[in-house]
Amino acid sequence: MLKDACKCEFTNSYKLEADFVADPIWCNVCGWNLDIDDFPLTDNLKDELYQWTKQYKKIPINEHNAIGQNLAGKMREELGSDYKIVFITDK
């Protein structure tokens, strides 16, 4: 279980979703925002996620969603089958 995880007893289901002032990873059960550094991701992918979040509402929505889909795929690859990652498209 993640050290600063949500109040759910245990979850391995997370969503990737950009927001203005939060890390882009959330509990898919209760919606709690989680610290990206608590996930075993490479520094390169963490940087890509931070850059994507900084672009939130500054780039066209279709471009934002395409980048997010790609990043969710990279997260799935790095985290493996112990983590379920769902990408939430912005509308």
PDB file of N, CA and C in Angstrom:
ATOM      1  N   MET A   1       0.850  -1.187   0.000  1.00  0.00           N
ATOM      2  CA  MET A   1       0.000   0.000   0.000  1.00  0.00           C
ATOM      3  C   MET A   1       0.888   1.240   0.000  1.00  0.00           C
ATOM      4  N   LEU A   2       0.464   2.269  -0.665  1.00  0.00           N
ATOM      5  CA  LEU A   2       1.226   3.498  -0.740  1.00  0.00           C
ATOM      6  C   LEU A   2       1.256   4.185   0.623  1.00  0.00           C
ATOM      7  N   LYS A   3       2.393   4.810   0.950  1.00  0.00           N
ATOM      8  CA  LYS A   3       2.543   5.381   2.286  1.00  0.00           C
ATOM      9  C   LYS A   3       1.568   6.519   2.582  1.00  0.00           C
ATOM     10  N   ASP A   4       1.268   7.356   1.618  1.00  0.00           N
ATOM     11  CA  ASP A   4       0.335   8.458   1.833  1.00  0.00           C
ATOM     12  C   ASP A   4      -0.967   8.220   1.093  1.00  0.00           C
ATOM     13  N   ALA A   5      -1.380   6.963   1.083  1.00  0.00           N
ATOM     14  CA  ALA A   5      -2.550   6.578   0.300  1.00  0.00           C
ATOM     15  C   ALA A   5      -3.834   7.153   0.889  1.00  0.00           C
ATOM     16  N   CYS A   6      -4.867   6.972   0.157  1.00  0.00           N
ATOM     17  CA  CYS A   6      -6.185   7.429   0.559  1.00  0.00           C
ATOM     18  C   CYS A   6      -6.684   6.648   1.764  1.00  0.00           C
ATOM     19  N   LYS A   7      -7.890   6.898   2.118  1.00  0.00           N
ATOM     20  CA  LYS A   7      -8.483   6.251   3.285  1.00  0.00           C
ATOM     21  C   LYS A   7      -9.095   4.885   2.956  1.00  0.00           C
ATOM     22  N   CYS A   8      -9.042   4.488   1.690  1.00  0.00           N
ATOM     23  CA  CYS A   8      -9.502   3.151   1.324  1.00  0.00           C
ATOM     24  C   CYS A   8      -8.575   2.134   1.977  1.00  0.00           C
ATOM     25  N   GLU A   9      -9.121   1.039   2.430  1.00  0.00           N
ATOM     26  CA  GLU A   9      -8.274   0.042   3.094  1.00  0.00           C
ATOM     27  C   GLU A   9      -7.190  -0.477   2.161  1.00  0.00           C
ATOM     28  N   PHE A  10      -7.561  -0.785   0.939  1.00  0.00           N
ATOM     29  CA  PHE A  10      -6.585  -1.190  -0.059  1.00  0.00           C
ATOM     30  C   PHE A  10      -7.184  -0.981  -1.432  1.00  0.00           C
ATOM     31  N   THR A  11      -6.392  -0.418  -2.309  1.00  0.00           N
ATOM     32  CA  THR A  11      -6.814  -0.300  -3.702  1.00  0.00           C
ATOM     33  C   THR A  11      -5.591  -0.428  -4.589  1.00  0.00           C
ATOM     34  N   ASN A  12      -5.786  -0.961  -5.748  1.00  0.00           N
ATOM     35  CA  ASN A  12      -4.729  -0.976  -6.750  1.00  0.00           C
ATOM     36  C   ASN A  12      -5.252  -0.345  -8.042  1.00  0.00           C
ATOM     37  N   SER A  13      -6.339   0.412  -7.911  1.00  0.00           N
ATOM     38  CA  SER A  13      -6.967   1.053  -9.056  1.00  0.00           C
ATOM     39  C   SER A  13      -6.806   2.565  -8.937  1.00  0.00           C
ATOM     40  N   TYR A  14      -6.153   3.145  -9.939  1.00  0.00           N
ATOM     41  CA  TYR A  14      -5.834   4.568  -9.915  1.00  0.00           C
ATOM     42  C   TYR A  14      -6.256   5.214 -11.217  1.00  0.00           C
ATOM     43  N   LYS A  15      -6.511   6.508 -11.166  1.00  0.00           N
ATOM     44  CA  LYS A  15      -6.841   7.220 -12.392  1.00  0.00           C
ATOM     45  C   LYS A  15      -5.829   8.330 -12.622  1.00  0.00           C
ATOM     46  N   LEU A  16      -5.536   8.561 -13.880  1.00  0.00           N
ATOM     47  CA  LEU A  16      -4.670   9.641 -14.309  1.00  0.00           C
ATOM     48  C   LEU A  16      -5.575  10.753 -14.811  1.00  0.00           C
ATOM     49  N   GLU A  17      -5.462  11.900 -14.174  1.00  0.00           N
ATOM     50  CA  GLU A  17      -6.325  13.030 -14.516  1.00  0.00           C
ATOM     51  C   GLU A  17      -5.614  14.314 -14.124  1.00  0.00           C
ATOM     52  N   ALA A  18      -5.510  15.257 -15.048  1.00  0.00           N
ATOM     53  CA  ALA A  18      -4.827  16.522 -14.782  1.00  0.00           C
ATOM     54  C   ALA A  18      -5.712  17.469 -13.986  1.00  0.00           C
ATOM     55  N   ASP A  19      -5.064  18.285 -13.170  1.00  0.00           N
ATOM     56  CA  ASP A  19      -5.725  19.342 -12.411  1.00  0.00           C
ATOM     57  C   ASP A  19      -4.707  20.461 -12.240  1.00  0.00           C
ATOM     58  N   PHE A  20      -5.167  21.642 -11.853  1.00  0.00           N
ATOM     59  CA  PHE A  20      -4.273  22.797 -11.770  1.00  0.00           C
ATOM     60  C   PHE A  20      -3.223  22.701 -10.663  1.00  0.00           C
ATOM     61  N   VAL A  21      -3.591  22.236  -9.497  1.00  0.00           N
ATOM     62  CA  VAL A  21      -2.676  22.304  -8.349  1.00  0.00           C
ATOM     63  C   VAL A  21      -2.469  20.960  -7.668  1.00  0.00           C
ATOM     64  N   ALA A  22      -2.620  19.890  -8.396  1.00  0.00           N
ATOM     65  CA  ALA A  22      -2.516  18.570  -7.775  1.00  0.00           C
ATOM     66  C   ALA A  22      -1.702  17.631  -8.662  1.00  0.00           C
ATOM     67  N   ASP A  23      -1.092  16.642  -8.022  1.00  0.00           N
ATOM     68  CA  ASP A  23      -0.443  15.587  -8.791  1.00  0.00           C
ATOM     69  C   ASP A  23      -1.521  14.867  -9.602  1.00  0.00           C
ATOM     70  N   PRO A  24      -1.177  14.309 -10.758  1.00  0.00           N
ATOM     71  CA  PRO A  24      -2.196  13.769 -11.663  1.00  0.00           C
ATOM     72  C   PRO A  24      -2.667  12.345 -11.374  1.00  0.00           C
ATOM     73  N   ILE A  25      -2.343  11.791 -10.207  1.00  0.00           N
ATOM     74  CA  ILE A  25      -2.763  10.424  -9.895  1.00  0.00           C
ATOM     75  C   ILE A  25      -3.747  10.447  -8.737  1.00  0.00           C
ATOM     76  N   TRP A  26      -4.865   9.743  -8.908  1.00  0.00           N
ATOM     77  CA  TRP A  26      -5.963   9.758  -7.938  1.00  0.00           C
ATOM     78  C   TRP A  26      -6.403   8.325  -7.659  1.00  0.00           C
ATOM     79  N   CYS A  27      -6.935   8.090  -6.465  1.00  0.00           N
ATOM     80  CA  CYS A  27      -7.546   6.803  -6.166  1.00  0.00           C
ATOM     81  C   CYS A  27      -8.794   6.676  -7.029  1.00  0.00           C
ATOM     82  N   ASN A  28      -8.947   5.560  -7.696  1.00  0.00           N
ATOM     83  CA  ASN A  28     -10.108   5.353  -8.554  1.00  0.00           C
ATOM     84  C   ASN A  28     -11.334   4.919  -7.760  1.00  0.00           C
ATOM     85  N   VAL A  29     -11.161   4.675  -6.457  1.00  0.00           N
ATOM     86  CA  VAL A  29     -12.281   4.276  -5.600  1.00  0.00           C
ATOM     87  C   VAL A  29     -12.897   5.498  -4.916  1.00  0.00           C
ATOM     88  N   CYS A  30     -12.066   6.265  -4.191  1.00  0.00           N
ATOM     89  CA  CYS A  30     -12.605   7.391  -3.409  1.00  0.00           C
ATOM     90  C   CYS A  30     -12.269   8.756  -3.992  1.00  0.00           C
ATOM     91  N   GLY A  31     -11.363   8.807  -4.982  1.00  0.00           N
ATOM     92  CA  GLY A  31     -11.017  10.081  -5.604  1.00  0.00           C
ATOM     93  C   GLY A  31      -9.920  10.855  -4.903  1.00  0.00           C
ATOM     94  N   TRP A  32      -9.274  10.265  -3.887  1.00  0.00           N
ATOM     95  CA  TRP A  32      -8.213  10.934  -3.138  1.00  0.00           C
ATOM     96  C   TRP A  32      -7.016  11.199  -4.048  1.00  0.00           C
ATOM     97  N   ASN A  33      -6.446  12.412  -3.972  1.00  0.00           N
ATOM     98  CA  ASN A  33      -5.259  12.742  -4.751  1.00  0.00           C
ATOM     99  C   ASN A  33      -4.030  12.129  -4.088  1.00  0.00           C
ATOM    100  N   LEU A  34      -3.192  11.492  -4.892  1.00  0.00           N
ATOM    101  CA  LEU A  34      -2.023  10.761  -4.382  1.00  0.00           C
ATOM    102  C   LEU A  34      -0.728  11.408  -4.838  1.00  0.00           C
ATOM    103  N   ASP A  35       0.297  11.259  -4.039  1.00  0.00           N
ATOM    104  CA  ASP A  35       1.611  11.821  -4.326  1.00  0.00           C
ATOM    105  C   ASP A  35       2.307  10.976  -5.390  1.00  0.00           C
ATOM    106  N   ILE A  36       2.667  11.611  -6.480  1.00  0.00           N
ATOM    107  CA  ILE A  36       3.310  10.905  -7.589  1.00  0.00           C
ATOM    108  C   ILE A  36       4.601  10.225  -7.159  1.00  0.00           C
ATOM    109  N   ASP A  37       5.292  10.798  -6.173  1.00  0.00           N
ATOM    110  CA  ASP A  37       6.554  10.220  -5.716  1.00  0.00           C
ATOM    111  C   ASP A  37       6.371   8.924  -4.940  1.00  0.00           C
ATOM    112  N   ASP A  38       5.155   8.598  -4.571  1.00  0.00           N
ATOM    113  CA  ASP A  38       4.890   7.337  -3.884  1.00  0.00           C
ATOM    114  C   ASP A  38       4.770   6.160  -4.853  1.00  0.00           C
ATOM    115  N   PHE A  39       4.778   6.450  -6.146  1.00  0.00           N
ATOM    116  CA  PHE A  39       4.663   5.399  -7.151  1.00  0.00           C
ATOM    117  C   PHE A  39       6.045   5.065  -7.708  1.00  0.00           C
ATOM    118  N   PRO A  40       6.318   3.795  -7.953  1.00  0.00           N
ATOM    119  CA  PRO A  40       7.626   3.392  -8.479  1.00  0.00           C
ATOM    120  C   PRO A  40       7.750   3.672  -9.978  1.00  0.00           C
ATOM    121  N   LEU A  41       7.782   4.963 -10.312  1.00  0.00           N
ATOM    122  CA  LEU A  41       7.912   5.412 -11.695  1.00  0.00           C
ATOM    123  C   LEU A  41       9.301   5.990 -11.909  1.00  0.00           C
ATOM    124  N   THR A  42       9.779   5.922 -13.133  1.00  0.00           N
ATOM    125  CA  THR A  42      11.076   6.515 -13.442  1.00  0.00           C
ATOM    126  C   THR A  42      10.981   8.034 -13.333  1.00  0.00           C
ATOM    127  N   ASP A  43      12.121   8.659 -13.071  1.00  0.00           N
ATOM    128  CA  ASP A  43      12.148  10.117 -12.994  1.00  0.00           C
ATOM    129  C   ASP A  43      11.713  10.743 -14.310  1.00  0.00           C
ATOM    130  N   ASN A  44      12.065  10.097 -15.420  1.00  0.00           N
ATOM    131  CA  ASN A  44      11.692  10.598 -16.729  1.00  0.00           C
ATOM    132  C   ASN A  44      10.166  10.635 -16.892  1.00  0.00           C
ATOM    133  N   LEU A  45       9.495   9.566 -16.495  1.00  0.00           N
ATOM    134  CA  LEU A  45       8.036   9.535 -16.619  1.00  0.00           C
ATOM    135  C   LEU A  45       7.389  10.522 -15.648  1.00  0.00           C
ATOM    136  N   LYS A  46       7.914  10.632 -14.447  1.00  0.00           N
ATOM    137  CA  LYS A  46       7.379  11.618 -13.498  1.00  0.00           C
ATOM    138  C   LYS A  46       7.473  13.019 -14.097  1.00  0.00           C
ATOM    139  N   ASP A  47       8.610  13.318 -14.726  1.00  0.00           N
ATOM    140  CA  ASP A  47       8.785  14.628 -15.352  1.00  0.00           C
ATOM    141  C   ASP A  47       7.776  14.830 -16.478  1.00  0.00           C
ATOM    142  N   GLU A  48       7.566  13.803 -17.289  1.00  0.00           N
ATOM    143  CA  GLU A  48       6.563  13.894 -18.363  1.00  0.00           C
ATOM    144  C   GLU A  48       5.171  14.162 -17.793  1.00  0.00           C
ATOM    145  N   LEU A  49       4.840  13.502 -16.691  1.00  0.00           N
ATOM    146  CA  LEU A  49       3.535  13.702 -16.053  1.00  0.00           C
ATOM    147  C   LEU A  49       3.402  15.120 -15.512  1.00  0.00           C
ATOM    148  N   TYR A  50       4.468  15.629 -14.883  1.00  0.00           N
ATOM    149  CA  TYR A  50       4.437  17.008 -14.368  1.00  0.00           C
ATOM    150  C   TYR A  50       4.287  18.008 -15.510  1.00  0.00           C
ATOM    151  N   GLN A  51       5.021  17.783 -16.611  1.00  0.00           N
ATOM    152  CA  GLN A  51       4.921  18.686 -17.759  1.00  0.00           C
ATOM    153  C   GLN A  51       3.520  18.659 -18.360  1.00  0.00           C
ATOM    154  N   TRP A  52       2.928  17.495 -18.436  1.00  0.00           N
ATOM    155  CA  TRP A  52       1.567  17.357 -18.958  1.00  0.00           C
ATOM    156  C   TRP A  52       0.581  18.119 -18.066  1.00  0.00           C
ATOM    157  N   THR A  53       0.753  17.991 -16.766  1.00  0.00           N
ATOM    158  CA  THR A  53      -0.132  18.694 -15.837  1.00  0.00           C
ATOM    159  C   THR A  53       0.024  20.210 -15.975  1.00  0.00           C
ATOM    160  N   LYS A  54       1.253  20.683 -16.174  1.00  0.00           N
ATOM    161  CA  LYS A  54       1.488  22.129 -16.346  1.00  0.00           C
ATOM    162  C   LYS A  54       0.787  22.667 -17.586  1.00  0.00           C
ATOM    163  N   GLN A  55       0.589  21.809 -18.585  1.00  0.00           N
ATOM    164  CA  GLN A  55      -0.057  22.229 -19.824  1.00  0.00           C
ATOM    165  C   GLN A  55      -1.579  22.207 -19.745  1.00  0.00           C
ATOM    166  N   TYR A  56      -2.116  21.764 -18.615  1.00  0.00           N
ATOM    167  CA  TYR A  56      -3.565  21.631 -18.456  1.00  0.00           C
ATOM    168  C   TYR A  56      -4.264  22.949 -18.776  1.00  0.00           C
ATOM    169  N   LYS A  57      -5.216  22.899 -19.675  1.00  0.00           N
ATOM    170  CA  LYS A  57      -6.029  24.029 -20.143  1.00  0.00           C
ATOM    171  C   LYS A  57      -5.231  25.040 -20.973  1.00  0.00           C
ATOM    172  N   LYS A  58      -3.959  24.727 -21.294  1.00  0.00           N
ATOM    173  CA  LYS A  58      -3.137  25.623 -22.112  1.00  0.00           C
ATOM    174  C   LYS A  58      -2.957  25.102 -23.529  1.00  0.00           C
ATOM    175  N   ILE A  59      -3.327  23.851 -23.738  1.00  0.00           N
ATOM    176  CA  ILE A  59      -3.224  23.245 -25.065  1.00  0.00           C
ATOM    177  C   ILE A  59      -4.608  22.734 -25.459  1.00  0.00           C
ATOM    178  N   PRO A  60      -4.843  22.507 -26.750  1.00  0.00           N
ATOM    179  CA  PRO A  60      -6.156  21.997 -27.171  1.00  0.00           C
ATOM    180  C   PRO A  60      -6.504  20.687 -26.464  1.00  0.00           C
ATOM    181  N   ILE A  61      -7.769  20.511 -26.157  1.00  0.00           N
ATOM    182  CA  ILE A  61      -8.231  19.366 -25.376  1.00  0.00           C
ATOM    183  C   ILE A  61      -7.896  18.039 -26.041  1.00  0.00           C
ATOM    184  N   ASN A  62      -8.009  17.963 -27.363  1.00  0.00           N
ATOM    185  CA  ASN A  62      -7.701  16.704 -28.046  1.00  0.00           C
ATOM    186  C   ASN A  62      -6.211  16.362 -27.910  1.00  0.00           C
ATOM    187  N   GLU A  63      -5.357  17.375 -27.925  1.00  0.00           N
ATOM    188  CA  GLU A  63      -3.920  17.160 -27.735  1.00  0.00           C
ATOM    189  C   GLU A  63      -3.636  16.737 -26.284  1.00  0.00           C
ATOM    190  N   HIS A  64      -4.276  17.408 -25.346  1.00  0.00           N
ATOM    191  CA  HIS A  64      -4.133  17.064 -23.914  1.00  0.00           C
ATOM    192  C   HIS A  64      -4.536  15.606 -23.674  1.00  0.00           C
ATOM    193  N   ASN A  65      -5.666  15.203 -24.235  1.00  0.00           N
ATOM    194  CA  ASN A  65      -6.146  13.833 -24.046  1.00  0.00           C
ATOM    195  C   ASN A  65      -5.232  12.802 -24.723  1.00  0.00           C
ATOM    196  N   ALA A  66      -4.703  13.126 -25.893  1.00  0.00           N
ATOM    197  CA  ALA A  66      -3.801  12.204 -26.590  1.00  0.00           C
ATOM    198  C   ALA A  66      -2.519  11.994 -25.780  1.00  0.00           C
ATOM    199  N   ILE A  67      -1.982  13.066 -25.239  1.00  0.00           N
ATOM    200  CA  ILE A  67      -0.779  12.961 -24.405  1.00  0.00           C
ATOM    201  C   ILE A  67      -1.099  12.155 -23.148  1.00  0.00           C
ATOM    202  N   GLY A  68      -2.245  12.432 -22.534  1.00  0.00           N
ATOM    203  CA  GLY A  68      -2.654  11.706 -21.330  1.00  0.00           C
ATOM    204  C   GLY A  68      -2.811  10.217 -21.575  1.00  0.00           C
ATOM    205  N   GLN A  69      -3.412   9.850 -22.696  1.00  0.00           N
ATOM    206  CA  GLN A  69      -3.567   8.430 -23.054  1.00  0.00           C
ATOM    207  C   GLN A  69      -2.195   7.764 -23.170  1.00  0.00           C
ATOM    208  N   ASN A  70      -1.282   8.455 -23.830  1.00  0.00           N
ATOM    209  CA  ASN A  70       0.069   7.937 -24.000  1.00  0.00           C
ATOM    210  C   ASN A  70       0.762   7.765 -22.648  1.00  0.00           C
ATOM    211  N   LEU A  71       0.630   8.743 -21.773  1.00  0.00           N
ATOM    212  CA  LEU A  71       1.250   8.671 -20.455  1.00  0.00           C
ATOM    213  C   LEU A  71       0.637   7.554 -19.609  1.00  0.00           C
ATOM    214  N   ALA A  72      -0.656   7.363 -19.713  1.00  0.00           N
ATOM    215  CA  ALA A  72      -1.307   6.268 -18.983  1.00  0.00           C
ATOM    216  C   ALA A  72      -0.738   4.928 -19.440  1.00  0.00           C
ATOM    217  N   GLY A  73      -0.499   4.789 -20.731  1.00  0.00           N
ATOM    218  CA  GLY A  73       0.111   3.568 -21.252  1.00  0.00           C
ATOM    219  C   GLY A  73       1.513   3.361 -20.701  1.00  0.00           C
ATOM    220  N   LYS A  74       2.285   4.435 -20.640  1.00  0.00           N
ATOM    221  CA  LYS A  74       3.635   4.338 -20.070  1.00  0.00           C
ATOM    222  C   LYS A  74       3.580   3.959 -18.596  1.00  0.00           C
ATOM    223  N   MET A  75       2.599   4.509 -17.874  1.00  0.00           N
ATOM    224  CA  MET A  75       2.447   4.152 -16.460  1.00  0.00           C
ATOM    225  C   MET A  75       2.138   2.664 -16.323  1.00  0.00           C
ATOM    226  N   ARG A  76       1.233   2.162 -17.156  1.00  0.00           N
ATOM    227  CA  ARG A  76       0.871   0.738 -17.104  1.00  0.00           C
ATOM    228  C   ARG A  76       2.105  -0.140 -17.338  1.00  0.00           C
ATOM    229  N   GLU A  77       2.932   0.263 -18.302  1.00  0.00           N
ATOM    230  CA  GLU A  77       4.150  -0.498 -18.599  1.00  0.00           C
ATOM    231  C   GLU A  77       5.099  -0.507 -17.406  1.00  0.00           C
ATOM    232  N   GLU A  78       5.317   0.662 -16.809  1.00  0.00           N
ATOM    233  CA  GLU A  78       6.274   0.758 -15.706  1.00  0.00           C
ATOM    234  C   GLU A  78       5.753   0.119 -14.419  1.00  0.00           C
ATOM    235  N   LEU A  79       4.471   0.245 -14.160  1.00  0.00           N
ATOM    236  CA  LEU A  79       3.922  -0.255 -12.898  1.00  0.00           C
ATOM    237  C   LEU A  79       3.557  -1.734 -12.955  1.00  0.00           C
ATOM    238  N   GLY A  80       3.256  -2.220 -14.125  1.00  0.00           N
ATOM    239  CA  GLY A  80       2.906  -3.632 -14.262  1.00  0.00           C
ATOM    240  C   GLY A  80       1.480  -3.931 -13.840  1.00  0.00           C
ATOM    241  N   SER A  81       1.181  -5.202 -13.769  1.00  0.00           N
ATOM    242  CA  SER A  81      -0.194  -5.651 -13.549  1.00  0.00           C
ATOM    243  C   SER A  81      -0.697  -5.477 -12.118  1.00  0.00           C
ATOM    244  N   ASP A  82       0.185  -5.101 -11.188  1.00  0.00           N
ATOM    245  CA  ASP A  82      -0.263  -4.871  -9.810  1.00  0.00           C
ATOM    246  C   ASP A  82      -1.066  -3.581  -9.669  1.00  0.00           C
ATOM    247  N   TYR A  83      -0.997  -2.728 -10.679  1.00  0.00           N
ATOM    248  CA  TYR A  83      -1.678  -1.437 -10.658  1.00  0.00           C
ATOM    249  C   TYR A  83      -2.628  -1.349 -11.847  1.00  0.00           C
ATOM    250  N   LYS A  84      -3.849  -0.937 -11.603  1.00  0.00           N
ATOM    251  CA  LYS A  84      -4.803  -0.680 -12.677  1.00  0.00           C
ATOM    252  C   LYS A  84      -4.828   0.834 -12.881  1.00  0.00           C
ATOM    253  N   ILE A  85      -4.477   1.290 -14.083  1.00  0.00           N
ATOM    254  CA  ILE A  85      -4.434   2.710 -14.388  1.00  0.00           C
ATOM    255  C   ILE A  85      -5.520   3.036 -15.414  1.00  0.00           C
ATOM    256  N   VAL A  86      -6.375   3.974 -15.070  1.00  0.00           N
ATOM    257  CA  VAL A  86      -7.453   4.413 -15.946  1.00  0.00           C
ATOM    258  C   VAL A  86      -7.194   5.877 -16.297  1.00  0.00           C
ATOM    259  N   PHE A  87      -7.285   6.230 -17.568  1.00  0.00           N
ATOM    260  CA  PHE A  87      -7.134   7.620 -17.970  1.00  0.00           C
ATOM    261  C   PHE A  87      -8.504   8.281 -18.060  1.00  0.00           C
ATOM    262  N   ILE A  88      -8.638   9.424 -17.443  1.00  0.00           N
ATOM    263  CA  ILE A  88      -9.884  10.200 -17.472  1.00  0.00           C
ATOM    264  C   ILE A  88      -9.713  11.342 -18.467  1.00  0.00           C
ATOM    265  N   THR A  89     -10.471  11.295 -19.557  1.00  0.00           N
ATOM    266  CA  THR A  89     -10.371  12.356 -20.568  1.00  0.00           C
ATOM    267  C   THR A  89     -11.023  13.630 -20.056  1.00  0.00           C
ATOM    268  N   ASP A  90     -10.438  14.737 -20.453  1.00  0.00           N
ATOM    269  CA  ASP A  90     -11.007  16.036 -20.136  1.00  0.00           C
ATOM    270  C   ASP A  90     -11.940  16.410 -21.272  1.00  0.00           C
ATOM    271  N   LYS A  91     -13.016  17.081 -20.940  1.00  0.00           N
ATOM    272  CA  LYS A  91     -14.005  17.436 -21.956  1.00  0.00           C
ATOM    273  C   LYS A  91     -14.022  18.908 -22.206  1.00  0.00           C
TER     274      LYS A  91
END
